[in-house]
């Protein structure tokens, strides 16, 4: 039986959110961005040298899978174990109780300053995001995700309260 790697789920918190309408110069900064791992197990070391965590920001899941394979090949070429490196895909996220509300909230933010979602993004429900992350792991697209809430408050609450517990019931989240 093939051993499945534990899935890493982290969140990058940025003031009120990552959407440009909430980060503009007209709004005061509420502090520096923070990266927080939400899954149990040994914490990932973002500062380790040689790198043990590689975050990727790409346009789609196929590009993410290619990037993961390339990173693992480079690590192997250096004589290191490719399993020693976790490749995390950055996903811009906006979650609401239903997809319609999520899209309306994105439209409200875009009316102030349009976001250019040129990388993997998810706009929808907690269950949909959990499903996307499950599918990404099954297809070996990445070893985990860094969720970047476009709208900090409600999206972050859904990630912590719904997405991570849902994933914990169906995937190995710890080492």
Foldseek 3Di string as FASTA:
>chain_A
DDDAFAAKEKEWDFAQFDACLRVDPVDDGPDHIDIGIQFDADDADCPDPVHQEAEDWAQDLVVLQVVLVVQLVVCVVVVHHSVSHFYAYEEEEFADQFQVVQVVVLVVSVVRPNDDRRTHYDGTHLVVVLVVQVVSSVVVSGRYYHYGYRGPDPGVCSCNPPNVVVNVVPGRNYD
